[in-house]
C-alpha atoms as a PDB file:
ATOM      1  CA  MET A   1      11.673   1.797  11.544  1.00  0.00           C
ATOM      2  CA  TYR A   2      10.970  -2.348  10.411  1.00  0.00           C
ATOM      3  CA  THR A   3      11.152  -5.170  12.403  1.00  0.00           C
ATOM      4  CA  LYS A   4      12.535  -8.273  10.921  1.00  0.00           C
ATOM      5  CA  GLU A   5       8.247 -10.026  10.961  1.00  0.00           C
ATOM      6  CA  GLN A   6       7.202  -6.754   9.677  1.00  0.00           C
ATOM      7  CA  THR A   7       9.908  -7.528   6.909  1.00  0.00           C
ATOM      8  CA  ARG A   8       9.356 -10.553   6.304  1.00  0.00           C
ATOM      9  CA  LYS A   9       5.544 -10.096   5.870  1.00  0.00           C
ATOM     10  CA  LEU A  10       6.163  -7.202   3.719  1.00  0.00           C
ATOM     11  CA  GLN A  11       8.489  -9.441   1.509  1.00  0.00           C
ATOM     12  CA  VAL A  12       5.303 -11.845   1.445  1.00  0.00           C
ATOM     13  CA  VAL A  13       3.089  -9.508   0.172  1.00  0.00           C
ATOM     14  CA  THR A  14       5.613  -8.160  -2.702  1.00  0.00           C
ATOM     15  CA  LYS A  15       6.079 -11.924  -4.627  1.00  0.00           C
ATOM     16  CA  LYS A  16       2.119 -12.006  -3.885  1.00  0.00           C
ATOM     17  CA  LEU A  17       1.659  -8.703  -5.201  1.00  0.00           C
ATOM     18  CA  LEU A  18       4.075  -9.341  -8.808  1.00  0.00           C
ATOM     19  CA  LYS A  19       1.907 -12.362  -9.351  1.00  0.00           C
ATOM     20  CA  GLU A  20      -1.665 -11.090  -8.823  1.00  0.00           C
ATOM     21  CA  PRO A  21      -3.467  -8.053  -7.650  1.00  0.00           C
ATOM     22  CA  GLY A  22      -3.618  -7.397  -4.060  1.00  0.00           C
ATOM     23  CA  SER A  23      -5.563  -4.366  -1.711  1.00  0.00           C
ATOM     24  CA  ILE A  24      -4.519  -1.185  -2.510  1.00  0.00           C
ATOM     25  CA  ASN A  25      -3.075  -0.858   1.109  1.00  0.00           C
ATOM     26  CA  GLU A  26      -0.764  -3.838   0.519  1.00  0.00           C
ATOM     27  CA  LEU A  27       0.357  -2.227  -2.263  1.00  0.00           C
ATOM     28  CA  ARG A  28       0.728   1.164  -0.448  1.00  0.00           C
ATOM     29  CA  ASP A  29       2.322  -0.627   2.457  1.00  0.00           C
ATOM     30  CA  ALA A  30       4.671  -2.584  -0.250  1.00  0.00           C
ATOM     31  CA  LEU A  31       5.408   0.422  -2.180  1.00  0.00           C
ATOM     32  CA  ARG A  32       6.783   2.669   0.911  1.00  0.00           C
ATOM     33  CA  PHE A  33       9.182  -0.486   2.640  1.00  0.00           C
ATOM     34  CA  HIS A  34      10.965  -0.398  -0.114  1.00  0.00           C
ATOM     35  CA  GLU A  35      11.045   3.013  -0.863  1.00  0.00           C
ATOM     36  CA  HIS A  36      12.559   2.463   2.947  1.00  0.00           C
ATOM     37  CA  ARG A  37      14.856  -0.474   1.931  1.00  0.00           C
ATOM     38  CA  TYR A  38      15.807   1.297  -1.499  1.00  0.00           C
ATOM     39  CA  TYR A  39      16.397   5.585  -0.177  1.00  0.00           C
ATOM     40  CA  VAL A  40      16.992   5.500   3.876  1.00  0.00           C
ATOM     41  CA  LEU A  41      18.630   1.601   4.178  1.00  0.00           C
ATOM     42  CA  ASN A  42      20.757   1.771   0.237  1.00  0.00           C
ATOM     43  CA  GLU A  43      19.545  -2.049   0.426  1.00  0.00           C
ATOM     44  CA  PRO A  44      16.394  -2.223  -1.849  1.00  0.00           C
ATOM     45  CA  LEU A  45      14.932  -6.259  -1.849  1.00  0.00           C
ATOM     46  CA  ILE A  46      13.890  -5.901  -5.271  1.00  0.00           C
ATOM     47  CA  SER A  47      14.704  -4.696  -9.083  1.00  0.00           C
ATOM     48  CA  ASP A  48      13.940  -0.804  -9.923  1.00  0.00           C
ATOM     49  CA  PHE A  49      11.757  -2.659 -12.673  1.00  0.00           C
ATOM     50  CA  GLU A  50       9.675  -4.437 -10.206  1.00  0.00           C
ATOM     51  CA  TYR A  51       8.747  -1.450  -8.062  1.00  0.00           C
ATOM     52  CA  ASP A  52       7.812   0.138 -11.096  1.00  0.00           C
ATOM     53  CA  GLN A  53       5.431  -3.017 -12.042  1.00  0.00           C
ATOM     54  CA  LEU A  54       3.987  -2.096  -8.332  1.00  0.00           C
ATOM     55  CA  TYR A  55       4.226   1.902  -8.746  1.00  0.00           C
ATOM     56  CA  LYS A  56       2.520   1.912 -12.258  1.00  0.00           C
ATOM     57  CA  TYR A  57       0.201  -1.009 -11.073  1.00  0.00           C
ATOM     58  CA  LEU A  58      -1.440   1.289  -8.417  1.00  0.00           C
ATOM     59  CA  GLU A  59      -1.307   4.946 -10.057  1.00  0.00           C
ATOM     60  CA  LYS A  60      -3.030   2.525 -12.519  1.00  0.00           C
ATOM     61  CA  ILE A  61      -5.971   1.689 -10.236  1.00  0.00           C
ATOM     62  CA  GLU A  62      -5.557   5.061  -7.991  1.00  0.00           C
ATOM     63  CA  GLN A  63      -6.280   6.941 -11.942  1.00  0.00           C
ATOM     64  CA  GLU A  64      -9.654   4.676 -12.267  1.00  0.00           C
ATOM     65  CA  ASN A  65     -10.238   5.634  -8.598  1.00  0.00           C
ATOM     66  CA  PRO A  66      -9.571   9.119  -7.945  1.00  0.00           C
ATOM     67  CA  GLU A  67     -11.534   8.373  -4.819  1.00  0.00           C
ATOM     68  CA  ILE A  68      -9.518   6.000  -3.226  1.00  0.00           C
ATOM     69  CA  ILE A  69      -5.940   8.600  -3.073  1.00  0.00           C
ATOM     70  CA  THR A  70      -5.029   9.357  -0.065  1.00  0.00           C
ATOM     71  CA  PRO A  71      -2.780  12.278   0.747  1.00  0.00           C
ATOM     72  CA  ASP A  72      -0.038  10.128   1.667  1.00  0.00           C
ATOM     73  CA  SER A  73       0.257   7.709  -1.229  1.00  0.00           C
ATOM     74  CA  PRO A  74       3.380   7.191  -3.177  1.00  0.00           C
ATOM     75  CA  THR A  75       2.144   8.333  -5.955  1.00  0.00           C
ATOM     76  CA  GLN A  76       1.200  11.610  -4.215  1.00  0.00           C
ATOM     77  CA  ARG A  77       4.864  12.509  -2.287  1.00  0.00           C
ATOM     78  CA  VAL A  78       7.023  15.003  -5.027  1.00  0.00           C
ATOM     79  CA  GLY A  79      10.279  12.542  -6.289  1.00  0.00           C
END
């Protein structure tokens, strides 16, 4: 599903997001990528704690700005 270049780019974005806020789209893309690595490939690249940090940050942003919530956001999926 992800090319080597996409994987590399999303790893860089993830490292950046764990240090400082980024765009909502970067955050959603990174979360989707890590969900795929974890659930589909069973090859996670970040810890559960790091994933949870990103997810909670997305939840916070969406709670503060409900107009930006999209149906495909990782927070809108039934788990």
